[in-house]
Protein backbone atom coordinates (compact mmCIF):
# COMPACT_ATOMS: atom_id res chain seq x y z
CA MET A 1 6.85 -3.74 -0.40
CA LEU A 2 4.89 -7.51 -1.76
CA PHE A 3 4.35 -9.52 0.82
CA SER A 4 2.46 -13.04 0.22
CA CYS A 5 0.24 -15.54 2.07
CA LYS A 6 1.76 -18.52 3.91
CA TYR A 7 -1.29 -20.67 2.32
CA ASP A 8 0.25 -22.34 -0.86
CA ASN A 9 -3.21 -23.77 -2.02
CA GLU A 10 -7.10 -23.53 -1.11
CA LYS A 11 -7.12 -26.35 1.47
CA ASP A 12 -4.79 -24.90 2.99
CA LEU A 13 -7.07 -21.59 3.30
CA TYR A 14 -9.96 -23.40 3.81
CA PRO A 15 -9.42 -27.16 5.21
CA ASP A 16 -12.24 -29.44 4.80
CA ASN A 17 -14.04 -29.53 8.89
CA SER A 18 -16.97 -32.28 7.67
CA CYS A 19 -15.38 -34.80 9.54
CA ILE A 20 -16.61 -34.35 12.47
CA THR A 21 -15.03 -36.95 15.12
CA ILE A 22 -16.70 -35.07 18.47
CA ASP A 23 -18.37 -37.53 20.30
CA MET A 24 -18.61 -41.00 18.66
CA SER A 25 -20.90 -43.87 20.07
CA TYR A 26 -20.26 -47.77 19.38
CA ASN A 27 -23.58 -48.18 17.95
CA ASN A 28 -24.30 -45.01 16.09
CA ASN A 29 -20.63 -44.39 13.99
CA ILE A 30 -18.01 -47.40 15.02
CA SER A 31 -20.69 -49.87 14.64
CA THR A 32 -21.37 -49.13 10.87
CA ILE A 33 -18.11 -47.96 9.96
CA LEU A 34 -17.05 -51.50 10.73
CA GLN A 35 -20.10 -53.06 8.36
CA ASP A 36 -19.22 -50.46 5.81
CA TYR A 37 -15.96 -51.65 5.70
CA GLY A 38 -16.49 -55.67 5.77
CA CYS A 39 -15.11 -56.42 9.05
CA ILE A 40 -17.40 -57.97 10.37
CA SER A 41 -17.98 -60.37 7.29
CA CYS A 42 -14.89 -61.40 8.05
CA HIS A 43 -14.69 -61.05 11.73
CA ASN A 44 -17.34 -62.33 13.44
CA THR A 45 -18.80 -64.75 15.56
CA ILE A 46 -18.93 -67.68 13.27
CA ASN A 47 -15.83 -67.50 11.27
CA PRO A 48 -13.35 -65.41 13.05
CA GLN A 49 -10.40 -64.74 10.55
CA GLY A 50 -7.16 -64.58 11.87
CA GLY A 51 -8.72 -65.14 15.91
CA VAL A 52 -10.10 -61.84 15.13
CA ASN A 53 -14.10 -61.49 16.40
CA LEU A 54 -15.02 -57.70 15.69
CA GLU A 55 -18.83 -59.06 15.91
CA GLY A 56 -20.17 -56.07 18.69
CA TYR A 57 -19.19 -54.06 21.60
CA VAL A 58 -17.34 -56.77 23.80
CA GLN A 59 -15.81 -58.48 21.15
CA THR A 60 -14.48 -55.03 19.53
CA LYS A 61 -13.29 -53.70 22.66
CA ILE A 62 -10.83 -56.99 23.23
CA TRP A 63 -8.72 -55.99 20.39
CA VAL A 64 -8.89 -52.16 21.18
CA ASP A 65 -7.56 -52.79 24.40
CA ASN A 66 -4.49 -54.62 22.62
CA SER A 67 -4.00 -51.90 20.34
CA ARG A 68 -4.52 -54.41 17.42
CA LEU A 69 -7.47 -52.26 16.16
CA ALA A 70 -5.66 -48.81 15.64
CA LYS A 71 -2.52 -50.42 14.45
CA SER A 72 -4.64 -52.69 12.06
CA ILE A 73 -6.91 -49.72 10.45
CA ASN A 74 -3.62 -47.35 10.11
CA HIS A 75 -1.46 -50.08 8.40
CA ASN A 76 0.66 -49.76 11.22
CA GLY A 77 1.94 -53.85 12.58
CA ALA A 78 1.66 -57.19 11.21
CA SER A 79 -1.67 -57.48 9.86
CA PRO A 80 -2.69 -54.17 7.40
CA MET A 81 -6.50 -54.34 7.33
CA PRO A 82 -8.98 -53.89 5.02
CA LYS A 83 -6.93 -57.12 3.97
CA ASP A 84 -5.26 -56.54 0.88
CA GLN A 85 -6.85 -53.40 0.15
CA ALA A 86 -5.82 -49.01 0.49
CA LYS A 87 -6.61 -47.48 4.05
CA MET A 88 -9.47 -47.01 5.73
CA ASP A 89 -10.72 -43.50 4.54
CA SER A 90 -8.43 -41.00 6.39
CA CYS A 91 -12.40 -39.85 8.64
CA ASP A 92 -13.65 -42.53 9.17
CA ILE A 93 -10.03 -43.66 10.98
CA LYS A 94 -10.49 -40.40 13.22
CA LYS A 95 -13.68 -41.46 14.12
CA ILE A 96 -12.57 -44.61 15.69
CA GLU A 97 -9.26 -43.24 17.09
CA SER A 98 -11.70 -40.58 18.76
CA TRP A 99 -14.13 -42.77 20.06
CA ILE A 100 -10.51 -45.11 21.53
CA SER A 101 -9.10 -42.16 22.98
CA ASP A 102 -12.50 -40.88 24.50
CA GLY A 103 -12.33 -44.66 26.14
CA ALA A 104 -14.13 -46.63 23.74
CA ARG A 105 -17.71 -46.76 25.58
CA ASN A 106 -20.27 -48.87 24.68
CA ASN A 107 -22.83 -46.03 24.08
């Protein structure tokens, strides 16, 4: 008898575990992601494009609470972000989603 492995490729056998989403911190992780993708350059206190200000925890939390941040970064909604660009890296999206699901604390 011949048996085969249910996995067709190496990625299924050895998934990438490098995306750590445990214990995400606004100050150490989330604000850095928002800065790295240029979110703050367009959505800040001085120039809140589309009326969206993501500069600082208090302003970001508004968009977390109304679910628009998660929808935008997942390209599910009226305003997919980053605008006119590909979605954020899936790991960065997972980090933001983890932070949100853990209560989006100011830590």
